[in-house]
Amino acid sequence: MLEPVRDLSYPTGRTSMRLGAYTYMPAPAHRGAANGTLMRGGLSVTLEVTEEILQEFMDSVSTLESDLARRWVRAETWSCRSRVE
């Protein structure tokens, strides 16, 4: 599950995200063409070719999570109404 990492956001429109045991850190906007990094246990790997793919994946998963959460609330609301009737 994707979880934002608090206090680690940059003005790029993206925030740092936990991806299981890893943390994705987008490059700060003011660094020009710098790439983001993937971190685990204090070690980091600069993302070069894969960063765009990772960002697209995270955007897709975030959209799916939002849609699922909305549907889940709607299903629970419907379920509660059905019990009352």
N, C-alpha and C. Protein backbone atom coordinates (compact mmCIF):
# COMPACT_ATOMS: atom_id res chain seq x y z
N MET A 1 0.84 -1.16 0.00
CA MET A 1 0.00 0.00 0.00
C MET A 1 0.90 1.24 0.00
N LEU A 2 0.50 2.25 -0.71
CA LEU A 2 1.27 3.49 -0.78
C LEU A 2 0.86 4.40 0.35
N GLU A 3 1.83 4.88 1.09
CA GLU A 3 1.57 5.80 2.19
C GLU A 3 2.49 6.99 2.06
N PRO A 4 1.93 8.23 2.12
CA PRO A 4 2.81 9.39 2.07
C PRO A 4 3.72 9.44 3.29
N VAL A 5 4.91 9.91 3.11
CA VAL A 5 5.84 10.09 4.22
C VAL A 5 5.73 11.54 4.64
N ARG A 6 5.31 11.77 5.86
CA ARG A 6 5.11 13.14 6.34
C ARG A 6 6.45 13.86 6.48
N ASP A 7 6.39 15.18 6.29
CA ASP A 7 7.54 16.07 6.43
C ASP A 7 8.64 15.82 5.40
N LEU A 8 8.35 15.10 4.34
CA LEU A 8 9.36 14.86 3.32
C LEU A 8 8.82 15.18 1.93
N SER A 9 8.03 16.25 1.82
CA SER A 9 7.49 16.58 0.51
C SER A 9 8.27 17.70 -0.13
N TYR A 10 8.29 17.70 -1.43
CA TYR A 10 9.01 18.70 -2.20
C TYR A 10 8.03 19.40 -3.13
N PRO A 11 8.37 20.59 -3.61
CA PRO A 11 7.46 21.33 -4.49
C PRO A 11 7.45 20.78 -5.92
N THR A 12 7.35 19.48 -6.08
CA THR A 12 7.30 18.89 -7.41
C THR A 12 5.90 18.44 -7.76
N GLY A 13 4.99 18.57 -6.81
CA GLY A 13 3.66 18.04 -7.02
C GLY A 13 3.55 16.61 -6.53
N ARG A 14 4.65 16.01 -6.17
CA ARG A 14 4.65 14.64 -5.64
C ARG A 14 5.25 14.67 -4.24
N THR A 15 4.80 13.75 -3.43
CA THR A 15 5.34 13.63 -2.08
C THR A 15 6.12 12.33 -1.97
N SER A 16 6.94 12.24 -0.95
CA SER A 16 7.65 10.99 -0.69
C SER A 16 6.62 9.93 -0.33
N MET A 17 6.85 8.72 -0.78
CA MET A 17 5.89 7.64 -0.56
C MET A 17 6.60 6.40 -0.05
N ARG A 18 5.97 5.71 0.89
CA ARG A 18 6.47 4.41 1.33
C ARG A 18 5.94 3.36 0.39
N LEU A 19 6.82 2.51 -0.08
CA LEU A 19 6.46 1.40 -0.96
C LEU A 19 6.96 0.13 -0.29
N GLY A 20 6.17 -0.39 0.64
CA GLY A 20 6.62 -1.54 1.41
C GLY A 20 7.78 -1.14 2.29
N ALA A 21 8.93 -1.80 2.14
CA ALA A 21 10.11 -1.50 2.95
C ALA A 21 10.92 -0.34 2.37
N TYR A 22 10.53 0.19 1.23
CA TYR A 22 11.27 1.25 0.56
C TYR A 22 10.57 2.59 0.70
N THR A 23 11.31 3.66 0.51
CA THR A 23 10.76 5.01 0.48
C THR A 23 11.19 5.67 -0.81
N TYR A 24 10.22 6.19 -1.55
CA TYR A 24 10.52 6.91 -2.79
C TYR A 24 10.59 8.40 -2.46
N MET A 25 11.69 9.02 -2.82
CA MET A 25 11.90 10.45 -2.59
C MET A 25 12.01 11.14 -3.95
N PRO A 26 11.01 11.94 -4.35
CA PRO A 26 11.12 12.63 -5.63
C PRO A 26 12.20 13.71 -5.55
N ALA A 27 12.75 14.05 -6.68
CA ALA A 27 13.78 15.09 -6.72
C ALA A 27 13.11 16.45 -6.47
N PRO A 28 13.76 17.31 -5.69
CA PRO A 28 13.22 18.67 -5.49
C PRO A 28 13.18 19.41 -6.82
N ALA A 29 12.17 20.23 -7.01
CA ALA A 29 11.99 20.96 -8.27
C ALA A 29 13.16 21.89 -8.57
N HIS A 30 13.76 22.47 -7.54
CA HIS A 30 14.83 23.45 -7.77
C HIS A 30 16.16 22.81 -8.17
N ARG A 31 16.23 21.49 -8.23
CA ARG A 31 17.48 20.82 -8.59
C ARG A 31 17.58 20.55 -10.09
N GLY A 32 16.66 21.09 -10.86
CA GLY A 32 16.74 20.93 -12.31
C GLY A 32 16.45 19.52 -12.77
N ALA A 33 17.38 18.91 -13.44
CA ALA A 33 17.18 17.58 -14.03
C ALA A 33 17.52 16.44 -13.07
N ALA A 34 17.65 16.72 -11.78
CA ALA A 34 17.99 15.67 -10.82
C ALA A 34 16.88 14.63 -10.76
N ASN A 35 17.25 13.42 -10.44
CA ASN A 35 16.29 12.32 -10.33
C ASN A 35 15.97 12.03 -8.88
N GLY A 36 14.84 11.39 -8.67
CA GLY A 36 14.46 10.97 -7.34
C GLY A 36 15.28 9.76 -6.90
N THR A 37 15.06 9.33 -5.67
CA THR A 37 15.78 8.18 -5.14
C THR A 37 14.82 7.19 -4.50
N LEU A 38 15.24 5.96 -4.43
CA LEU A 38 14.53 4.92 -3.72
C LEU A 38 15.44 4.53 -2.56
N MET A 39 14.90 4.58 -1.33
CA MET A 39 15.72 4.37 -0.14
C MET A 39 15.22 3.18 0.68
N ARG A 40 16.18 2.52 1.34
CA ARG A 40 15.86 1.44 2.29
C ARG A 40 17.04 1.28 3.23
N GLY A 41 16.76 1.29 4.51
CA GLY A 41 17.80 1.07 5.51
C GLY A 41 18.95 2.06 5.44
N GLY A 42 18.66 3.31 5.10
CA GLY A 42 19.71 4.32 5.03
C GLY A 42 20.50 4.33 3.73
N LEU A 43 20.25 3.37 2.86
CA LEU A 43 20.93 3.31 1.57
C LEU A 43 19.99 3.83 0.49
N SER A 44 20.53 4.53 -0.48
CA SER A 44 19.66 5.06 -1.53
C SER A 44 20.20 4.70 -2.92
N VAL A 45 19.27 4.62 -3.84
CA VAL A 45 19.59 4.36 -5.25
C VAL A 45 18.94 5.47 -6.05
N THR A 46 19.72 6.17 -6.85
CA THR A 46 19.17 7.21 -7.71
C THR A 46 18.44 6.57 -8.88
N LEU A 47 17.20 7.01 -9.08
CA LEU A 47 16.40 6.47 -10.18
C LEU A 47 16.69 7.27 -11.43
N GLU A 48 17.05 6.61 -12.47
CA GLU A 48 17.35 7.31 -13.72
C GLU A 48 16.31 6.95 -14.77
N VAL A 49 16.37 5.76 -15.29
CA VAL A 49 15.46 5.35 -16.35
C VAL A 49 14.09 4.97 -15.78
N THR A 50 14.05 4.40 -14.59
CA THR A 50 12.81 3.84 -14.05
C THR A 50 11.94 4.83 -13.30
N GLU A 51 12.40 6.04 -13.05
CA GLU A 51 11.61 6.96 -12.23
C GLU A 51 10.26 7.29 -12.86
N GLU A 52 10.23 7.57 -14.14
CA GLU A 52 8.96 7.90 -14.79
C GLU A 52 7.98 6.73 -14.71
N ILE A 53 8.49 5.51 -14.88
CA ILE A 53 7.64 4.33 -14.78
C ILE A 53 7.11 4.18 -13.36
N LEU A 54 7.97 4.39 -12.37
CA LEU A 54 7.56 4.30 -10.97
C LEU A 54 6.50 5.35 -10.65
N GLN A 55 6.67 6.57 -11.13
CA GLN A 55 5.69 7.61 -10.88
C GLN A 55 4.34 7.26 -11.51
N GLU A 56 4.35 6.74 -12.73
CA GLU A 56 3.11 6.33 -13.38
C GLU A 56 2.44 5.21 -12.59
N PHE A 57 3.24 4.26 -12.11
CA PHE A 57 2.70 3.16 -11.31
C PHE A 57 2.07 3.69 -10.02
N MET A 58 2.77 4.59 -9.33
CA MET A 58 2.24 5.15 -8.09
C MET A 58 0.97 5.94 -8.33
N ASP A 59 0.91 6.70 -9.42
CA ASP A 59 -0.31 7.44 -9.76
C ASP A 59 -1.46 6.48 -10.00
N SER A 60 -1.20 5.39 -10.71
CA SER A 60 -2.24 4.40 -11.00
C SER A 60 -2.73 3.73 -9.72
N VAL A 61 -1.80 3.33 -8.86
CA VAL A 61 -2.19 2.67 -7.60
C VAL A 61 -2.95 3.65 -6.71
N SER A 62 -2.53 4.90 -6.66
CA SER A 62 -3.25 5.90 -5.86
C SER A 62 -4.67 6.09 -6.36
N THR A 63 -4.83 6.12 -7.68
CA THR A 63 -6.16 6.25 -8.26
C THR A 63 -7.02 5.05 -7.91
N LEU A 64 -6.44 3.86 -8.01
CA LEU A 64 -7.17 2.64 -7.65
C LEU A 64 -7.55 2.63 -6.18
N GLU A 65 -6.64 3.04 -5.30
CA GLU A 65 -6.93 3.09 -3.87
C GLU A 65 -8.06 4.06 -3.57
N SER A 66 -8.04 5.23 -4.20
CA SER A 66 -9.10 6.22 -3.99
C SER A 66 -10.45 5.68 -4.46
N ASP A 67 -10.46 5.06 -5.62
CA ASP A 67 -11.69 4.50 -6.16
C ASP A 67 -12.21 3.38 -5.26
N LEU A 68 -11.32 2.51 -4.80
CA LEU A 68 -11.72 1.42 -3.92
C LEU A 68 -12.27 1.96 -2.61
N ALA A 69 -11.62 2.97 -2.03
CA ALA A 69 -12.09 3.56 -0.77
C ALA A 69 -13.49 4.15 -0.95
N ARG A 70 -13.71 4.84 -2.07
CA ARG A 70 -15.01 5.44 -2.34
C ARG A 70 -16.08 4.35 -2.47
N ARG A 71 -15.75 3.28 -3.19
CA ARG A 71 -16.71 2.19 -3.38
C ARG A 71 -16.97 1.46 -2.06
N TRP A 72 -15.92 1.32 -1.25
CA TRP A 72 -16.06 0.62 0.04
C TRP A 72 -17.04 1.37 0.94
N VAL A 73 -16.88 2.69 1.01
CA VAL A 73 -17.79 3.51 1.83
C VAL A 73 -19.21 3.40 1.30
N ARG A 74 -19.35 3.46 -0.02
CA ARG A 74 -20.68 3.35 -0.63
C ARG A 74 -21.30 1.99 -0.33
N ALA A 75 -20.52 0.91 -0.38
CA ALA A 75 -21.03 -0.44 -0.10
C ALA A 75 -21.42 -0.58 1.36
N GLU A 76 -20.62 0.00 2.26
CA GLU A 76 -20.97 -0.07 3.69
C GLU A 76 -22.23 0.73 3.98
N THR A 77 -22.37 1.88 3.34
CA THR A 77 -23.56 2.70 3.53
C THR A 77 -24.78 1.93 3.04
N TRP A 78 -24.67 1.29 1.89
CA TRP A 78 -25.77 0.51 1.33
C TRP A 78 -26.10 -0.68 2.25
N SER A 79 -25.06 -1.32 2.79
CA SER A 79 -25.25 -2.46 3.67
C SER A 79 -25.97 -2.04 4.95
N CYS A 80 -25.62 -0.89 5.51
CA CYS A 80 -26.28 -0.40 6.73
C CYS A 80 -27.74 -0.09 6.46
N ARG A 81 -28.04 0.49 5.32
CA ARG A 81 -29.44 0.79 4.97
C ARG A 81 -30.25 -0.50 4.81
N SER A 82 -29.62 -1.52 4.22
CA SER A 82 -30.33 -2.78 4.00
C SER A 82 -30.71 -3.44 5.31
N ARG A 83 -29.87 -3.34 6.33
CA ARG A 83 -30.17 -3.94 7.64
C ARG A 83 -31.31 -3.23 8.33
N VAL A 84 -31.41 -1.91 8.14
CA VAL A 84 -32.45 -1.14 8.80
C VAL A 84 -33.81 -1.45 8.20
N GLU A 85 -33.86 -1.68 6.91
CA GLU A 85 -35.14 -1.93 6.23
C GLU A 85 -35.70 -3.26 6.53
